[in-house]
Amino acid sequence: MSLAESTLSKRTAQSQSTEDVYDDGYLRVEHQNYYLACNGQSIRLPRTEFLIISRLVRSVERVVSAEDLWQHAWGNEKPVNIESLHVYMHRLRTKLVPYKLQIDTLVNVGYRLLLPAPQDNGSE
């Protein structure tokens, strides 16, 4: 492999890894590693809950449809079950309260992840 090819390969790997990580200084999500942390504190979640939060983080403060969340977490394995999704959202909300992260519900539309205001996240 030439030097140019090696450099291009490294840049490609870096850009792919950047896309797989969300980090705003308070919330960090490593999508491929199933890693979630707030203010440096790791949060352990079951796989399905992590996949839901991972999808919400990819569209922070924007609405994600229930169907999109379901597809991201379960794929085509199961038909969409809104009641089950509500249960998972309740569990996630409970686990995220200590970190001041909120999941907002827009009835018949979807969900969105709301981050704390900078002065509220304990980073100052």
PDB file of N, CA and C in Angstrom:
ATOM      1  N   MET A   1       0.850  -1.173   0.000  1.00  0.00           N
ATOM      2  CA  MET A   1       0.000   0.000   0.000  1.00  0.00           C
ATOM      3  C   MET A   1       0.900   1.241   0.000  1.00  0.00           C
ATOM      4  N   SER A   2       0.577   2.170  -0.886  1.00  0.00           N
ATOM      5  CA  SER A   2       1.379   3.389  -0.964  1.00  0.00           C
ATOM      6  C   SER A   2       1.060   4.315   0.200  1.00  0.00           C
ATOM      7  N   LEU A   3       1.907   5.324   0.380  1.00  0.00           N
ATOM      8  CA  LEU A   3       1.696   6.311   1.448  1.00  0.00           C
ATOM      9  C   LEU A   3       0.375   7.042   1.247  1.00  0.00           C
ATOM     10  N   ALA A   4       0.061   7.390   0.009  1.00  0.00           N
ATOM     11  CA  ALA A   4      -1.200   8.094  -0.283  1.00  0.00           C
ATOM     12  C   ALA A   4      -2.396   7.212   0.057  1.00  0.00           C
ATOM     13  N   GLU A   5      -2.322   5.935  -0.318  1.00  0.00           N
ATOM     14  CA  GLU A   5      -3.418   5.018  -0.007  1.00  0.00           C
ATOM     15  C   GLU A   5      -3.565   4.830   1.501  1.00  0.00           C
ATOM     16  N   SER A   6      -2.442   4.738   2.193  1.00  0.00           N
ATOM     17  CA  SER A   6      -2.456   4.584   3.644  1.00  0.00           C
ATOM     18  C   SER A   6      -3.081   5.805   4.323  1.00  0.00           C
ATOM     19  N   THR A   7      -2.707   6.991   3.874  1.00  0.00           N
ATOM     20  CA  THR A   7      -3.267   8.233   4.429  1.00  0.00           C
ATOM     21  C   THR A   7      -4.759   8.302   4.168  1.00  0.00           C
ATOM     22  N   LEU A   8      -5.190   7.976   2.942  1.00  0.00           N
ATOM     23  CA  LEU A   8      -6.609   7.990   2.600  1.00  0.00           C
ATOM     24  C   LEU A   8      -7.369   6.985   3.450  1.00  0.00           C
ATOM     25  N   SER A   9      -6.795   5.807   3.652  1.00  0.00           N
ATOM     26  CA  SER A   9      -7.429   4.784   4.470  1.00  0.00           C
ATOM     27  C   SER A   9      -7.618   5.264   5.908  1.00  0.00           C
ATOM     28  N   LYS A  10      -6.606   5.927   6.473  1.00  0.00           N
ATOM     29  CA  LYS A  10      -6.701   6.454   7.837  1.00  0.00           C
ATOM     30  C   LYS A  10      -7.769   7.530   7.935  1.00  0.00           C
ATOM     31  N   ARG A  11      -7.832   8.426   6.940  1.00  0.00           N
ATOM     32  CA  ARG A  11      -8.849   9.486   6.944  1.00  0.00           C
ATOM     33  C   ARG A  11     -10.243   8.897   6.864  1.00  0.00           C
ATOM     34  N   THR A  12     -10.419   7.885   6.007  1.00  0.00           N
ATOM     35  CA  THR A  12     -11.714   7.230   5.883  1.00  0.00           C
ATOM     36  C   THR A  12     -12.118   6.599   7.204  1.00  0.00           C
ATOM     37  N   ALA A  13     -11.198   5.913   7.860  1.00  0.00           N
ATOM     38  CA  ALA A  13     -11.480   5.285   9.154  1.00  0.00           C
ATOM     39  C   ALA A  13     -11.829   6.344  10.190  1.00  0.00           C
ATOM     40  N   GLN A  14     -11.111   7.472  10.194  1.00  0.00           N
ATOM     41  CA  GLN A  14     -11.391   8.534  11.156  1.00  0.00           C
ATOM     42  C   GLN A  14     -12.753   9.139  10.910  1.00  0.00           C
ATOM     43  N   SER A  15     -13.123   9.385   9.641  1.00  0.00           N
ATOM     44  CA  SER A  15     -14.422   9.990   9.366  1.00  0.00           C
ATOM     45  C   SER A  15     -15.548   9.027   9.722  1.00  0.00           C
ATOM     46  N   GLN A  16     -15.334   7.732   9.492  1.00  0.00           N
ATOM     47  CA  GLN A  16     -16.360   6.759   9.868  1.00  0.00           C
ATOM     48  C   GLN A  16     -16.502   6.706  11.384  1.00  0.00           C
ATOM     49  N   SER A  17     -15.382   6.745  12.104  1.00  0.00           N
ATOM     50  CA  SER A  17     -15.469   6.677  13.553  1.00  0.00           C
ATOM     51  C   SER A  17     -16.080   7.947  14.117  1.00  0.00           C
ATOM     52  N   THR A  18     -15.840   9.107  13.483  1.00  0.00           N
ATOM     53  CA  THR A  18     -16.444  10.359  13.927  1.00  0.00           C
ATOM     54  C   THR A  18     -17.958  10.286  13.794  1.00  0.00           C
ATOM     55  N   GLU A  19     -18.451   9.696  12.702  1.00  0.00           N
ATOM     56  CA  GLU A  19     -19.884   9.572  12.493  1.00  0.00           C
ATOM     57  C   GLU A  19     -20.503   8.615  13.507  1.00  0.00           C
ATOM     58  N   ASP A  20     -19.719   7.711  14.033  1.00  0.00           N
ATOM     59  CA  ASP A  20     -20.230   6.730  14.975  1.00  0.00           C
ATOM     60  C   ASP A  20     -20.158   7.198  16.420  1.00  0.00           C
ATOM     61  N   VAL A  21     -19.710   8.443  16.629  1.00  0.00           N
ATOM     62  CA  VAL A  21     -19.603   8.986  17.982  1.00  0.00           C
ATOM     63  C   VAL A  21     -20.304  10.333  18.042  1.00  0.00           C
ATOM     64  N   TYR A  22     -21.155  10.493  19.046  1.00  0.00           N
ATOM     65  CA  TYR A  22     -21.752  11.796  19.342  1.00  0.00           C
ATOM     66  C   TYR A  22     -21.131  12.252  20.649  1.00  0.00           C
ATOM     67  N   ASP A  23     -20.584  13.451  20.661  1.00  0.00           N
ATOM     68  CA  ASP A  23     -19.982  13.976  21.880  1.00  0.00           C
ATOM     69  C   ASP A  23     -20.142  15.488  21.894  1.00  0.00           C
ATOM     70  N   ASP A  24     -20.949  15.981  22.820  1.00  0.00           N
ATOM     71  CA  ASP A  24     -21.151  17.428  22.927  1.00  0.00           C
ATOM     72  C   ASP A  24     -20.459  17.994  24.171  1.00  0.00           C
ATOM     73  N   GLY A  25     -19.614  17.190  24.801  1.00  0.00           N
ATOM     74  CA  GLY A  25     -18.919  17.618  26.009  1.00  0.00           C
ATOM     75  C   GLY A  25     -19.636  17.182  27.272  1.00  0.00           C
ATOM     76  N   TYR A  26     -20.900  16.906  27.182  1.00  0.00           N
ATOM     77  CA  TYR A  26     -21.682  16.418  28.320  1.00  0.00           C
ATOM     78  C   TYR A  26     -22.168  14.992  28.048  1.00  0.00           C
ATOM     79  N   LEU A  27     -22.770  14.810  26.885  1.00  0.00           N
ATOM     80  CA  LEU A  27     -23.295  13.507  26.490  1.00  0.00           C
ATOM     81  C   LEU A  27     -22.374  12.911  25.434  1.00  0.00           C
ATOM     82  N   ARG A  28     -21.975  11.663  25.659  1.00  0.00           N
ATOM     83  CA  ARG A  28     -21.147  10.954  24.678  1.00  0.00           C
ATOM     84  C   ARG A  28     -21.812   9.620  24.368  1.00  0.00           C
ATOM     85  N   VAL A  29     -21.976   9.360  23.089  1.00  0.00           N
ATOM     86  CA  VAL A  29     -22.532   8.088  22.635  1.00  0.00           C
ATOM     87  C   VAL A  29     -21.611   7.535  21.556  1.00  0.00           C
ATOM     88  N   GLU A  30     -21.101   6.347  21.819  1.00  0.00           N
ATOM     89  CA  GLU A  30     -20.319   5.623  20.825  1.00  0.00           C
ATOM     90  C   GLU A  30     -21.240   4.536  20.279  1.00  0.00           C
ATOM     91  N   HIS A  31     -21.826   4.831  19.132  1.00  0.00           N
ATOM     92  CA  HIS A  31     -22.871   3.977  18.579  1.00  0.00           C
ATOM     93  C   HIS A  31     -22.403   2.546  18.339  1.00  0.00           C
ATOM     94  N   GLN A  32     -21.217   2.374  17.774  1.00  0.00           N
ATOM     95  CA  GLN A  32     -20.727   1.028  17.460  1.00  0.00           C
ATOM     96  C   GLN A  32     -20.294   0.252  18.699  1.00  0.00           C
ATOM     97  N   ASN A  33     -19.889   0.959  19.742  1.00  0.00           N
ATOM     98  CA  ASN A  33     -19.398   0.304  20.960  1.00  0.00           C
ATOM     99  C   ASN A  33     -20.462   0.141  22.041  1.00  0.00           C
ATOM    100  N   TYR A  34     -21.678   0.585  21.761  1.00  0.00           N
ATOM    101  CA  TYR A  34     -22.766   0.508  22.742  1.00  0.00           C
ATOM    102  C   TYR A  34     -22.358   1.201  24.041  1.00  0.00           C
ATOM    103  N   TYR A  35     -21.783   2.384  23.903  1.00  0.00           N
ATOM    104  CA  TYR A  35     -21.289   3.130  25.064  1.00  0.00           C
ATOM    105  C   TYR A  35     -22.041   4.451  25.183  1.00  0.00           C
ATOM    106  N   LEU A  36     -22.525   4.722  26.391  1.00  0.00           N
ATOM    107  CA  LEU A  36     -23.239   5.955  26.691  1.00  0.00           C
ATOM    108  C   LEU A  36     -22.686   6.518  27.987  1.00  0.00           C
ATOM    109  N   ALA A  37     -22.383   7.819  27.995  1.00  0.00           N
ATOM    110  CA  ALA A  37     -21.876   8.468  29.200  1.00  0.00           C
ATOM    111  C   ALA A  37     -22.404   9.898  29.263  1.00  0.00           C
ATOM    112  N   CYS A  38     -22.682  10.349  30.470  1.00  0.00           N
ATOM    113  CA  CYS A  38     -23.082  11.728  30.729  1.00  0.00           C
ATOM    114  C   CYS A  38     -22.112  12.309  31.741  1.00  0.00           C
ATOM    115  N   ASN A  39     -21.548  13.452  31.375  1.00  0.00           N
ATOM    116  CA  ASN A  39     -20.620  14.151  32.263  1.00  0.00           C
ATOM    117  C   ASN A  39     -19.506  13.215  32.747  1.00  0.00           C
ATOM    118  N   GLY A  40     -19.062  12.343  31.843  1.00  0.00           N
ATOM    119  CA  GLY A  40     -17.979  11.414  32.152  1.00  0.00           C
ATOM    120  C   GLY A  40     -18.392  10.157  32.883  1.00  0.00           C
ATOM    121  N   GLN A  41     -19.662  10.051  33.253  1.00  0.00           N
ATOM    122  CA  GLN A  41     -20.137   8.875  33.991  1.00  0.00           C
ATOM    123  C   GLN A  41     -20.836   7.907  33.039  1.00  0.00           C
ATOM    124  N   SER A  42     -20.312   6.707  32.956  1.00  0.00           N
ATOM    125  CA  SER A  42     -20.862   5.683  32.078  1.00  0.00           C
ATOM    126  C   SER A  42     -22.258   5.266  32.525  1.00  0.00           C
ATOM    127  N   ILE A  43     -23.145   5.067  31.555  1.00  0.00           N
ATOM    128  CA  ILE A  43     -24.507   4.609  31.830  1.00  0.00           C
ATOM    129  C   ILE A  43     -24.686   3.285  31.111  1.00  0.00           C
ATOM    130  N   ARG A  44     -24.976   2.258  31.876  1.00  0.00           N
ATOM    131  CA  ARG A  44     -25.179   0.931  31.289  1.00  0.00           C
ATOM    132  C   ARG A  44     -26.662   0.759  30.966  1.00  0.00           C
ATOM    133  N   LEU A  45     -26.911   0.370  29.724  1.00  0.00           N
ATOM    134  CA  LEU A  45     -28.280   0.133  29.267  1.00  0.00           C
ATOM    135  C   LEU A  45     -28.354  -1.213  28.569  1.00  0.00           C
ATOM    136  N   PRO A  46     -29.498  -1.875  28.683  1.00  0.00           N
ATOM    137  CA  PRO A  46     -29.694  -3.074  27.864  1.00  0.00           C
ATOM    138  C   PRO A  46     -29.636  -2.689  26.381  1.00  0.00           C
ATOM    139  N   ARG A  47     -29.337  -3.643  25.546  1.00  0.00           N
ATOM    140  CA  ARG A  47     -29.133  -3.401  24.119  1.00  0.00           C
ATOM    141  C   ARG A  47     -30.279  -2.624  23.476  1.00  0.00           C
ATOM    142  N   THR A  48     -31.507  -3.041  23.678  1.00  0.00           N
ATOM    143  CA  THR A  48     -32.642  -2.389  23.024  1.00  0.00           C
ATOM    144  C   THR A  48     -32.782  -0.942  23.467  1.00  0.00           C
ATOM    145  N   GLU A  49     -32.625  -0.679  24.752  1.00  0.00           N
ATOM    146  CA  GLU A  49     -32.702   0.697  25.239  1.00  0.00           C
ATOM    147  C   GLU A  49     -31.566   1.529  24.654  1.00  0.00           C
ATOM    148  N   PHE A  50     -30.377   0.940  24.558  1.00  0.00           N
ATOM    149  CA  PHE A  50     -29.268   1.665  23.957  1.00  0.00           C
ATOM    150  C   PHE A  50     -29.570   2.000  22.498  1.00  0.00           C
ATOM    151  N   LEU A  51     -30.116   1.054  21.755  1.00  0.00           N
ATOM    152  CA  LEU A  51     -30.420   1.304  20.343  1.00  0.00           C
ATOM    153  C   LEU A  51     -31.444   2.424  20.187  1.00  0.00           C
ATOM    154  N   ILE A  52     -32.394   2.503  21.095  1.00  0.00           N
ATOM    155  CA  ILE A  52     -33.382   3.585  21.043  1.00  0.00           C
ATOM    156  C   ILE A  52     -32.702   4.921  21.305  1.00  0.00           C
ATOM    157  N   ILE A  53     -31.909   5.012  22.371  1.00  0.00           N
ATOM    158  CA  ILE A  53     -31.240   6.282  22.686  1.00  0.00           C
ATOM    159  C   ILE A  53     -30.239   6.634  21.592  1.00  0.00           C
ATOM    160  N   SER A  54     -29.587   5.637  21.026  1.00  0.00           N
ATOM    161  CA  SER A  54     -28.642   5.875  19.935  1.00  0.00           C
ATOM    162  C   SER A  54     -29.346   6.539  18.755  1.00  0.00           C
ATOM    163  N   ARG A  55     -30.529   6.060  18.440  1.00  0.00           N
ATOM    164  CA  ARG A  55     -31.283   6.654  17.319  1.00  0.00           C
ATOM    165  C   ARG A  55     -31.723   8.075  17.670  1.00  0.00           C
ATOM    166  N   LEU A  56     -32.170   8.302  18.890  1.00  0.00           N
ATOM    167  CA  LEU A  56     -32.589   9.644  19.300  1.00  0.00           C
ATOM    168  C   LEU A  56     -31.412  10.622  19.262  1.00  0.00           C
ATOM    169  N   VAL A  57     -30.240  10.174  19.674  1.00  0.00           N
ATOM    170  CA  VAL A  57     -29.050  11.029  19.693  1.00  0.00           C
ATOM    171  C   VAL A  57     -28.646  11.447  18.284  1.00  0.00           C
ATOM    172  N   ARG A  58     -28.896  10.615  17.319  1.00  0.00           N
ATOM    173  CA  ARG A  58     -28.553  10.960  15.937  1.00  0.00           C
ATOM    174  C   ARG A  58     -29.407  12.122  15.424  1.00  0.00           C
ATOM    175  N   SER A  59     -30.470  12.447  16.142  1.00  0.00           N
ATOM    176  CA  SER A  59     -31.350  13.562  15.769  1.00  0.00           C
ATOM    177  C   SER A  59     -31.713  14.364  17.015  1.00  0.00           C
ATOM    178  N   VAL A  60     -30.717  14.753  17.793  1.00  0.00           N
ATOM    179  CA  VAL A  60     -30.951  15.456  19.063  1.00  0.00           C
ATOM    180  C   VAL A  60     -31.897  16.632  18.859  1.00  0.00           C
ATOM    181  N   GLU A  61     -32.890  16.707  19.744  1.00  0.00           N
ATOM    182  CA  GLU A  61     -33.901  17.761  19.792  1.00  0.00           C
ATOM    183  C   GLU A  61     -34.758  17.827  18.532  1.00  0.00           C
ATOM    184  N   ARG A  62     -34.732  16.769  17.740  1.00  0.00           N
ATOM    185  CA  ARG A  62     -35.624  16.646  16.584  1.00  0.00           C
ATOM    186  C   ARG A  62     -36.490  15.419  16.800  1.00  0.00           C
ATOM    187  N   VAL A  63     -37.683  15.475  16.289  1.00  0.00           N
ATOM    188  CA  VAL A  63     -38.630  14.377  16.471  1.00  0.00           C
ATOM    189  C   VAL A  63     -38.248  13.189  15.597  1.00  0.00           C
ATOM    190  N   VAL A  64     -38.278  12.018  16.228  1.00  0.00           N
ATOM    191  CA  VAL A  64     -38.054  10.753  15.532  1.00  0.00           C
ATOM    192  C   VAL A  64     -39.342   9.956  15.676  1.00  0.00           C
ATOM    193  N   SER A  65     -39.857   9.467  14.574  1.00  0.00           N
ATOM    194  CA  SER A  65     -41.127   8.738  14.627  1.00  0.00           C
ATOM    195  C   SER A  65     -40.984   7.436  15.408  1.00  0.00           C
ATOM    196  N   ALA A  66     -42.091   6.998  15.980  1.00  0.00           N
ATOM    197  CA  ALA A  66     -42.111   5.733  16.713  1.00  0.00           C
ATOM    198  C   ALA A  66     -41.706   4.588  15.790  1.00  0.00           C
ATOM    199  N   GLU A  67     -42.155   4.637  14.556  1.00  0.00           N
ATOM    200  CA  GLU A  67     -41.824   3.582  13.599  1.00  0.00           C
ATOM    201  C   GLU A  67     -40.320   3.549  13.312  1.00  0.00           C
ATOM    202  N   ASP A  68     -39.714   4.715  13.212  1.00  0.00           N
ATOM    203  CA  ASP A  68     -38.268   4.796  12.967  1.00  0.00           C
ATOM    204  C   ASP A  68     -37.496   4.223  14.155  1.00  0.00           C
ATOM    205  N   LEU A  69     -37.917   4.575  15.371  1.00  0.00           N
ATOM    206  CA  LEU A  69     -37.267   4.034  16.572  1.00  0.00           C
ATOM    207  C   LEU A  69     -37.404   2.518  16.618  1.00  0.00           C
ATOM    208  N   TRP A  70     -38.594   2.041  16.339  1.00  0.00           N
ATOM    209  CA  TRP A  70     -38.845   0.601  16.355  1.00  0.00           C
ATOM    210  C   TRP A  70     -37.956  -0.107  15.327  1.00  0.00           C
ATOM    211  N   GLN A  71     -37.893   0.435  14.137  1.00  0.00           N
ATOM    212  CA  GLN A  71     -37.076  -0.154  13.075  1.00  0.00           C
ATOM    213  C   GLN A  71     -35.605  -0.194  13.478  1.00  0.00           C
ATOM    214  N   HIS A  72     -35.126   0.875  14.112  1.00  0.00           N
ATOM    215  CA  HIS A  72     -33.724   0.942  14.521  1.00  0.00           C
ATOM    216  C   HIS A  72     -33.412  -0.093  15.615  1.00  0.00           C
ATOM    217  N   ALA A  73     -34.347  -0.294  16.532  1.00  0.00           N
ATOM    218  CA  ALA A  73     -34.112  -1.206  17.656  1.00  0.00           C
ATOM    219  C   ALA A  73     -34.414  -2.666  17.323  1.00  0.00           C
ATOM    220  N   TRP A  74     -35.456  -2.911  16.558  1.00  0.00           N
ATOM    221  CA  TRP A  74     -35.877  -4.289  16.310  1.00  0.00           C
ATOM    222  C   TRP A  74     -35.769  -4.723  14.854  1.00  0.00           C
ATOM    223  N   GLY A  75     -35.542  -3.777  13.961  1.00  0.00           N
ATOM    224  CA  GLY A  75     -35.482  -4.128  12.543  1.00  0.00           C
ATOM    225  C   GLY A  75     -36.815  -4.672  12.074  1.00  0.00           C
ATOM    226  N   ASN A  76     -36.762  -5.648  11.217  1.00  0.00           N
ATOM    227  CA  ASN A  76     -37.990  -6.246  10.678  1.00  0.00           C
ATOM    228  C   ASN A  76     -38.395  -7.497  11.441  1.00  0.00           C
ATOM    229  N   GLU A  77     -37.733  -7.742  12.583  1.00  0.00           N
ATOM    230  CA  GLU A  77     -38.001  -8.966  13.335  1.00  0.00           C
ATOM    231  C   GLU A  77     -39.414  -9.019  13.892  1.00  0.00           C
ATOM    232  N   LYS A  78     -39.935  -7.864  14.289  1.00  0.00           N
ATOM    233  CA  LYS A  78     -41.259  -7.817  14.906  1.00  0.00           C
ATOM    234  C   LYS A  78     -42.048  -6.671  14.304  1.00  0.00           C
ATOM    235  N   PRO A  79     -43.375  -6.838  14.188  1.00  0.00           N
ATOM    236  CA  PRO A  79     -44.179  -5.698  13.740  1.00  0.00           C
ATOM    237  C   PRO A  79     -44.176  -4.606  14.805  1.00  0.00           C
ATOM    238  N   VAL A  80     -44.363  -3.372  14.381  1.00  0.00           N
ATOM    239  CA  VAL A  80     -44.355  -2.236  15.303  1.00  0.00           C
ATOM    240  C   VAL A  80     -45.396  -2.440  16.394  1.00  0.00           C
ATOM    241  N   ASN A  81     -44.976  -2.266  17.647  1.00  0.00           N
ATOM    242  CA  ASN A  81     -45.866  -2.388  18.796  1.00  0.00           C
ATOM    243  C   ASN A  81     -45.671  -1.125  19.638  1.00  0.00           C
ATOM    244  N   ILE A  82     -46.563  -0.186  19.470  1.00  0.00           N
ATOM    245  CA  ILE A  82     -46.444   1.116  20.132  1.00  0.00           C
ATOM    246  C   ILE A  82     -46.486   0.971  21.650  1.00  0.00           C
ATOM    247  N   GLU A  83     -47.297   0.055  22.160  1.00  0.00           N
ATOM    248  CA  GLU A  83     -47.382  -0.131  23.615  1.00  0.00           C
ATOM    249  C   GLU A  83     -46.037  -0.591  24.187  1.00  0.00           C
ATOM    250  N   SER A  84     -45.382  -1.521  23.504  1.00  0.00           N
ATOM    251  CA  SER A  84     -44.063  -1.975  23.959  1.00  0.00           C
ATOM    252  C   SER A  84     -43.053  -0.836  23.905  1.00  0.00           C
ATOM    253  N   LEU A  85     -43.125  -0.037  22.858  1.00  0.00           N
ATOM    254  CA  LEU A  85     -42.211   1.096  22.748  1.00  0.00           C
ATOM    255  C   LEU A  85     -42.427   2.072  23.901  1.00  0.00           C
ATOM    256  N   HIS A  86     -43.690   2.294  24.278  1.00  0.00           N
ATOM    257  CA  HIS A  86     -43.980   3.168  25.426  1.00  0.00           C
ATOM    258  C   HIS A  86     -43.312   2.649  26.700  1.00  0.00           C
ATOM    259  N   VAL A  87     -43.317   1.338  26.895  1.00  0.00           N
ATOM    260  CA  VAL A  87     -42.688   0.737  28.071  1.00  0.00           C
ATOM    261  C   VAL A  87     -41.179   1.002  28.052  1.00  0.00           C
ATOM    262  N   TYR A  88     -40.556   0.796  26.908  1.00  0.00           N
ATOM    263  CA  TYR A  88     -39.123   1.066  26.791  1.00  0.00           C
ATOM    264  C   TYR A  88     -38.809   2.543  27.023  1.00  0.00           C
ATOM    265  N   MET A  89     -39.647   3.420  26.515  1.00  0.00           N
ATOM    266  CA  MET A  89     -39.428   4.855  26.701  1.00  0.00           C
ATOM    267  C   MET A  89     -39.545   5.220  28.183  1.00  0.00           C
ATOM    268  N   HIS A  90     -40.488   4.615  28.874  1.00  0.00           N
ATOM    269  CA  HIS A  90     -40.638   4.872  30.315  1.00  0.00           C
ATOM    270  C   HIS A  90     -39.371   4.431  31.062  1.00  0.00           C
ATOM    271  N   ARG A  91     -38.867   3.256  30.735  1.00  0.00           N
ATOM    272  CA  ARG A  91     -37.643   2.760  31.377  1.00  0.00           C
ATOM    273  C   ARG A  91     -36.467   3.696  31.116  1.00  0.00           C
ATOM    274  N   LEU A  92     -36.337   4.131  29.863  1.00  0.00           N
ATOM    275  CA  LEU A  92     -35.249   5.043  29.517  1.00  0.00           C
ATOM    276  C   LEU A  92     -35.368   6.369  30.262  1.00  0.00           C
ATOM    277  N   ARG A  93     -36.564   6.917  30.288  1.00  0.00           N
ATOM    278  CA  ARG A  93     -36.771   8.194  30.991  1.00  0.00           C
ATOM    279  C   ARG A  93     -36.343   8.076  32.455  1.00  0.00           C
ATOM    280  N   THR A  94     -36.728   6.995  33.085  1.00  0.00           N
ATOM    281  CA  THR A  94     -36.376   6.781  34.493  1.00  0.00           C
ATOM    282  C   THR A  94     -34.866   6.732  34.679  1.00  0.00           C
ATOM    283  N   LYS A  95     -34.175   6.062  33.780  1.00  0.00           N
ATOM    284  CA  LYS A  95     -32.724   5.929  33.893  1.00  0.00           C
ATOM    285  C   LYS A  95     -31.987   7.221  33.558  1.00  0.00           C
ATOM    286  N   LEU A  96     -32.595   8.087  32.747  1.00  0.00           N
ATOM    287  CA  LEU A  96     -31.932   9.311  32.305  1.00  0.00           C
ATOM    288  C   LEU A  96     -32.204  10.519  33.203  1.00  0.00           C
ATOM    289  N   VAL A  97     -33.185  10.421  34.093  1.00  0.00           N
ATOM    290  CA  VAL A  97     -33.531  11.535  34.986  1.00  0.00           C
ATOM    291  C   VAL A  97     -32.324  12.061  35.767  1.00  0.00           C
ATOM    292  N   PRO A  98     -31.497  11.207  36.385  1.00  0.00           N
ATOM    293  CA  PRO A  98     -30.358  11.732  37.152  1.00  0.00           C
ATOM    294  C   PRO A  98     -29.369  12.548  36.312  1.00  0.00           C
ATOM    295  N   TYR A  99     -29.420  12.372  34.991  1.00  0.00           N
ATOM    296  CA  TYR A  99     -28.489  13.057  34.095  1.00  0.00           C
ATOM    297  C   TYR A  99     -29.131  14.260  33.405  1.00  0.00           C
ATOM    298  N   LYS A 100     -30.359  14.571  33.801  1.00  0.00           N
ATOM    299  CA  LYS A 100     -31.104  15.722  33.266  1.00  0.00           C
ATOM    300  C   LYS A 100     -31.354  15.612  31.765  1.00  0.00           C
ATOM    301  N   LEU A 101     -31.401  14.400  31.269  1.00  0.00           N
ATOM    302  CA  LEU A 101     -31.778  14.159  29.883  1.00  0.00           C
ATOM    303  C   LEU A 101     -33.259  13.831  29.860  1.00  0.00           C
ATOM    304  N   GLN A 102     -33.967  14.369  28.896  1.00  0.00           N
ATOM    305  CA  GLN A 102     -35.404  14.130  28.815  1.00  0.00           C
ATOM    306  C   GLN A 102     -35.767  13.576  27.449  1.00  0.00           C
ATOM    307  N   ILE A 103     -36.751  12.714  27.447  1.00  0.00           N
ATOM    308  CA  ILE A 103     -37.332  12.245  26.202  1.00  0.00           C
ATOM    309  C   ILE A 103     -38.747  12.786  26.162  1.00  0.00           C
ATOM    310  N   ASP A 104     -38.984  13.626  25.191  1.00  0.00           N
ATOM    311  CA  ASP A 104     -40.263  14.293  25.018  1.00  0.00           C
ATOM    312  C   ASP A 104     -41.130  13.458  24.078  1.00  0.00           C
ATOM    313  N   THR A 105     -42.417  13.342  24.392  1.00  0.00           N
ATOM    314  CA  THR A 105     -43.349  12.620  23.539  1.00  0.00           C
ATOM    315  C   THR A 105     -44.231  13.611  22.802  1.00  0.00           C
ATOM    316  N   LEU A 106     -44.324  13.461  21.520  1.00  0.00           N
ATOM    317  CA  LEU A 106     -45.274  14.207  20.720  1.00  0.00           C
ATOM    318  C   LEU A 106     -46.308  13.188  20.265  1.00  0.00           C
ATOM    319  N   VAL A 107     -47.473  13.238  20.876  1.00  0.00           N
ATOM    320  CA  VAL A 107     -48.507  12.224  20.662  1.00  0.00           C
ATOM    321  C   VAL A 107     -48.805  12.073  19.166  1.00  0.00           C
ATOM    322  N   ASN A 108     -48.834  10.835  18.740  1.00  0.00           N
ATOM    323  CA  ASN A 108     -49.099  10.450  17.353  1.00  0.00           C
ATOM    324  C   ASN A 108     -48.059  10.981  16.364  1.00  0.00           C
ATOM    325  N   VAL A 109     -46.916  11.431  16.865  1.00  0.00           N
ATOM    326  CA  VAL A 109     -45.855  11.930  15.988  1.00  0.00           C
ATOM    327  C   VAL A 109     -44.568  11.163  16.256  1.00  0.00           C
ATOM    328  N   GLY A 110     -44.064  11.210  17.502  1.00  0.00           N
ATOM    329  CA  GLY A 110     -42.830  10.516  17.832  1.00  0.00           C
ATOM    330  C   GLY A 110     -42.211  11.021  19.113  1.00  0.00           C
ATOM    331  N   TYR A 111     -40.911  10.900  19.203  1.00  0.00           N
ATOM    332  CA  TYR A 111     -40.168  11.247  20.414  1.00  0.00           C
ATOM    333  C   TYR A 111     -38.962  12.100  20.043  1.00  0.00           C
ATOM    334  N   ARG A 112     -38.484  12.864  21.021  1.00  0.00           N
ATOM    335  CA  ARG A 112     -37.242  13.606  20.818  1.00  0.00           C
ATOM    336  C   ARG A 112     -36.479  13.672  22.125  1.00  0.00           C
ATOM    337  N   LEU A 113     -35.162  13.644  21.983  1.00  0.00           N
ATOM    338  CA  LEU A 113     -34.265  13.738  23.123  1.00  0.00           C
ATOM    339  C   LEU A 113     -33.957  15.211  23.362  1.00  0.00           C
ATOM    340  N   LEU A 114     -34.171  15.658  24.589  1.00  0.00           N
ATOM    341  CA  LEU A 114     -33.876  17.033  24.968  1.00  0.00           C
ATOM    342  C   LEU A 114     -32.695  17.030  25.926  1.00  0.00           C
ATOM    343  N   LEU A 115     -31.691  17.810  25.599  1.00  0.00           N
ATOM    344  CA  LEU A 115     -30.503  17.917  26.436  1.00  0.00           C
ATOM    345  C   LEU A 115     -30.677  19.044  27.437  1.00  0.00           C
ATOM    346  N   PRO A 116     -30.010  18.959  28.584  1.00  0.00           N
ATOM    347  CA  PRO A 116     -30.099  20.061  29.551  1.00  0.00           C
ATOM    348  C   PRO A 116     -29.412  21.306  29.006  1.00  0.00           C
ATOM    349  N   ALA A 117     -29.864  22.461  29.480  1.00  0.00           N
ATOM    350  CA  ALA A 117     -29.188  23.710  29.123  1.00  0.00           C
ATOM    351  C   ALA A 117     -27.766  23.634  29.662  1.00  0.00           C
ATOM    352  N   PRO A 118     -26.802  24.297  29.013  1.00  0.00           N
ATOM    353  CA  PRO A 118     -25.399  24.205  29.451  1.00  0.00           C
ATOM    354  C   PRO A 118     -25.190  24.467  30.939  1.00  0.00           C
ATOM    355  N   GLN A 119     -25.884  25.415  31.530  1.00  0.00           N
ATOM    356  CA  GLN A 119     -25.701  25.696  32.945  1.00  0.00           C
ATOM    357  C   GLN A 119     -26.304  24.602  33.826  1.00  0.00           C
ATOM    358  N   ASP A 120     -27.177  23.766  33.252  1.00  0.00           N
ATOM    359  CA  ASP A 120     -27.830  22.703  34.012  1.00  0.00           C
ATOM    360  C   ASP A 120     -27.069  21.389  33.994  1.00  0.00           C
ATOM    361  N   ASN A 121     -26.080  21.239  33.120  1.00  0.00           N
ATOM    362  CA  ASN A 121     -25.478  19.913  32.957  1.00  0.00           C
ATOM    363  C   ASN A 121     -24.289  19.650  33.864  1.00  0.00           C
ATOM    364  N   GLY A 122     -23.958  20.576  34.720  1.00  0.00           N
ATOM    365  CA  GLY A 122     -22.921  20.330  35.704  1.00  0.00           C
ATOM    366  C   GLY A 122     -21.518  20.430  35.154  1.00  0.00           C
ATOM    367  N   SER A 123     -21.351  20.911  33.904  1.00  0.00           N
ATOM    368  CA  SER A 123     -20.013  20.979  33.332  1.00  0.00           C
ATOM    369  C   SER A 123     -19.308  22.286  33.647  1.00  0.00           C
ATOM    370  N   GLU A 124     -19.985  23.213  34.274  1.00  0.00           N
ATOM    371  CA  GLU A 124     -19.348  24.477  34.619  1.00  0.00           C
ATOM    372  C   GLU A 124     -18.885  24.487  36.048  1.00  0.00           C
TER     373      GLU A 124
END
